[in-house]
Protein backbone atom coordinates (compact mmCIF):
# COMPACT_ATOMS: atom_id res chain seq x y z
CA MET A 1 15.86 19.16 13.33
CA LYS A 2 12.04 18.94 12.72
CA THR A 3 10.57 21.23 10.10
CA THR A 4 7.00 22.20 9.16
CA ILE A 5 6.20 21.85 5.44
CA ARG A 6 3.25 22.72 3.74
CA PHE A 7 2.06 19.78 1.34
CA PHE A 8 -0.04 20.38 -2.00
CA GLU A 9 -1.22 17.06 -2.31
CA LYS A 10 -4.10 14.83 -4.13
CA PRO A 11 -6.09 13.72 -2.14
CA HIS A 12 -6.04 10.00 -1.53
CA CYS A 13 -2.99 10.10 -3.72
CA THR A 14 -1.33 6.52 -2.37
CA GLY A 15 1.95 8.57 -3.84
CA ASN A 16 1.13 10.97 -1.67
CA ALA A 17 0.07 9.21 0.94
CA ARG A 18 3.49 7.50 1.25
CA GLN A 19 5.86 10.55 1.27
CA LYS A 20 3.89 12.26 3.63
CA ALA A 21 4.11 8.88 6.01
CA ILE A 22 7.84 9.29 5.58
CA LEU A 23 8.10 12.85 6.58
CA LEU A 24 5.80 12.30 9.54
CA ALA A 25 8.21 9.53 10.76
CA ALA A 26 11.08 11.80 10.47
CA GLY A 27 9.33 13.62 12.66
CA HIS A 28 8.21 16.71 10.90
CA ARG A 29 5.09 18.53 10.84
CA LEU A 30 2.48 18.87 7.77
CA VAL A 31 -0.11 21.27 6.71
CA THR A 32 -2.04 20.26 3.83
CA GLU A 33 -3.73 21.70 0.96
CA ASN A 34 -5.74 20.23 -1.51
CA LEU A 35 -3.46 20.78 -4.55
CA LEU A 36 -6.51 20.34 -7.41
CA GLU A 37 -8.98 23.34 -5.41
CA PHE A 38 -5.99 25.51 -4.07
CA PRO A 39 -6.44 28.16 -5.71
CA PHE A 40 -2.92 28.95 -7.58
CA ASN A 41 -2.24 32.30 -9.00
CA ARG A 42 0.15 32.46 -12.43
CA LYS A 43 3.44 33.97 -10.75
CA GLU A 44 2.48 31.37 -7.26
CA LEU A 45 2.42 27.50 -8.64
CA ARG A 46 5.40 29.55 -11.57
CA SER A 47 7.40 29.43 -7.70
CA PHE A 48 7.31 26.40 -6.88
CA PHE A 49 9.01 24.86 -10.18
CA GLY A 50 12.28 27.05 -10.42
CA ALA A 51 14.62 26.35 -12.92
CA LEU A 52 13.53 23.41 -14.13
CA PRO A 53 12.68 22.66 -17.29
CA VAL A 54 9.03 22.89 -18.23
CA ALA A 55 8.29 19.60 -18.99
CA GLN A 56 8.91 18.54 -15.23
CA TRP A 57 6.87 20.72 -14.36
CA PHE A 58 4.14 18.51 -15.15
CA ASN A 59 2.99 15.23 -13.57
CA PRO A 60 3.92 12.29 -16.51
CA LEU A 61 1.34 10.18 -14.71
CA ALA A 62 -1.41 12.87 -15.59
CA PRO A 63 -4.52 10.84 -18.10
CA LYS A 64 -4.11 13.72 -20.83
CA VAL A 65 0.26 13.51 -20.51
CA LYS A 66 -0.14 9.63 -20.68
CA SER A 67 -2.61 9.57 -23.78
CA GLY A 68 -0.31 12.29 -25.74
CA GLU A 69 -2.78 15.18 -25.23
CA VAL A 70 -1.03 16.63 -23.53
CA ASP A 71 2.48 17.54 -25.18
CA ILE A 72 4.67 18.34 -22.26
CA HIS A 73 7.35 18.47 -24.34
CA THR A 74 6.09 21.54 -26.89
CA MET A 75 4.95 23.58 -24.35
CA ASP A 76 6.22 27.44 -23.37
CA GLU A 77 6.04 28.61 -19.62
CA ASP A 78 3.13 30.72 -20.43
CA GLN A 79 1.19 28.01 -22.15
CA ALA A 80 2.77 25.19 -19.15
CA LEU A 81 0.64 27.35 -16.41
CA GLU A 82 -1.93 27.81 -17.93
CA ALA A 83 -2.38 24.54 -18.47
CA MET A 84 -1.95 23.34 -15.30
CA LEU A 85 -4.10 26.10 -14.10
CA ALA A 86 -7.35 24.95 -16.10
CA GLU A 87 -6.18 21.43 -14.65
CA PRO A 88 -4.64 20.80 -11.44
CA LEU A 89 -3.94 17.15 -12.07
CA LEU A 90 -1.24 18.35 -14.65
CA ILE A 91 0.94 18.95 -11.95
CA ARG A 92 3.96 17.27 -10.70
CA ARG A 93 3.25 16.03 -7.09
CA PRO A 94 3.81 17.08 -4.47
CA LEU A 95 4.69 20.82 -4.71
CA MET A 96 6.12 21.74 -0.80
CA GLU A 97 7.17 24.95 1.36
CA VAL A 98 9.48 24.68 3.73
CA GLY A 99 10.11 27.94 5.07
CA SER A 100 10.52 30.37 2.01
CA VAL A 101 11.85 27.87 -0.60
CA ARG A 102 9.57 26.10 -2.62
CA LEU A 103 9.51 22.61 -4.62
CA VAL A 104 7.98 20.17 -6.83
CA GLY A 105 8.19 17.15 -6.59
CA PHE A 106 9.29 14.15 -3.76
CA ASN A 107 13.19 14.28 -4.38
CA ILE A 108 15.20 13.04 -0.79
CA ASP A 109 18.40 15.02 -2.11
CA GLU A 110 16.69 18.26 -2.25
CA LEU A 111 14.68 18.26 1.10
CA GLU A 112 17.90 17.36 2.50
CA ARG A 113 20.16 19.82 0.78
CA ILE A 114 17.17 22.21 2.40
CA GLY A 115 17.83 21.04 5.73
CA VAL A 116 14.61 18.38 5.79
CA ASN A 117 15.76 15.33 6.92
CA CYS A 118 14.43 12.54 5.85
CA ARG A 119 17.32 10.27 5.27
CA ALA A 120 16.64 8.46 9.00
CA SER A 121 12.80 7.79 8.52
CA PRO A 122 11.78 4.00 9.40
CA ARG A 123 9.59 4.76 6.19
CA LEU A 124 12.06 5.34 3.81
CA ASN A 125 13.55 2.34 4.93
CA LEU A 126 11.53 0.86 3.89
CA LEU A 127 10.26 2.00 0.90
CA ASN A 128 13.91 0.51 -0.72
CA GLY A 129 13.84 1.24 -4.63
CA VAL A 130 10.58 2.44 -4.66
CA ASP A 131 10.07 5.01 -6.66
CA LEU A 132 8.61 7.70 -4.46
CA GLU A 133 7.26 9.59 -7.47
CA GLY A 134 5.54 6.99 -9.14
CA CYS A 135 1.84 5.87 -8.92
CA PRO A 136 1.85 2.15 -7.16
CA GLY A 137 -1.66 1.65 -8.69
CA ASP A 138 0.46 2.69 -12.19
CA THR A 139 2.57 -0.47 -12.13
CA ILE A 140 -0.50 -2.88 -11.49
CA GLY A 141 -3.16 -0.63 -13.91
CA ILE A 142 -5.33 0.05 -11.89
CA SER A 143 -5.85 4.03 -12.14
CA CYS A 144 -6.58 6.00 -9.24
CA ASP A 145 -9.07 8.55 -11.26
CA GLU A 146 -11.06 5.11 -11.79
CA PRO A 147 -13.68 4.43 -9.00
CA ARG A 148 -12.30 1.53 -6.99
CA THR A 149 -13.74 -0.96 -4.47
CA LEU A 150 -11.92 -2.99 -2.03
CA PRO A 151 -12.84 -7.40 -2.10
CA MET A 152 -15.22 -8.94 -0.52
CA MET A 153 -14.02 -10.91 2.31
CA GLY A 154 -14.64 -14.72 3.17
């Protein structure tokens, strides 16, 4: 079944680009939103996290989480929501809305469970063994938040 998915992303995020490619190759329609600029309120943002523990609401690769400046293991729901609304880069990506269902993170099993078929996506086969929520730049020491330039050719 082909589905329309509202996909909240960090623009130019390589990880989000991979996730979108999987969904698009499976034939789904995406309506993308800029996660960093979307005017969430507390109740709306909270609705994406379901019963997950608070620490799993956060992007573990966010600079303030990686540095320890934000300790995601000591926050309660209110503190977490306040921190994320103040700094959306802390929010685990993507947030997705499929009909009335809201999800955080890119979990193939959970997507399949709610009827978003993506196991047949040719892109998924190409990415076999790749952490679909991780940042490709992180493994080679490149931060998405730092300016980058392409190498000069020839």
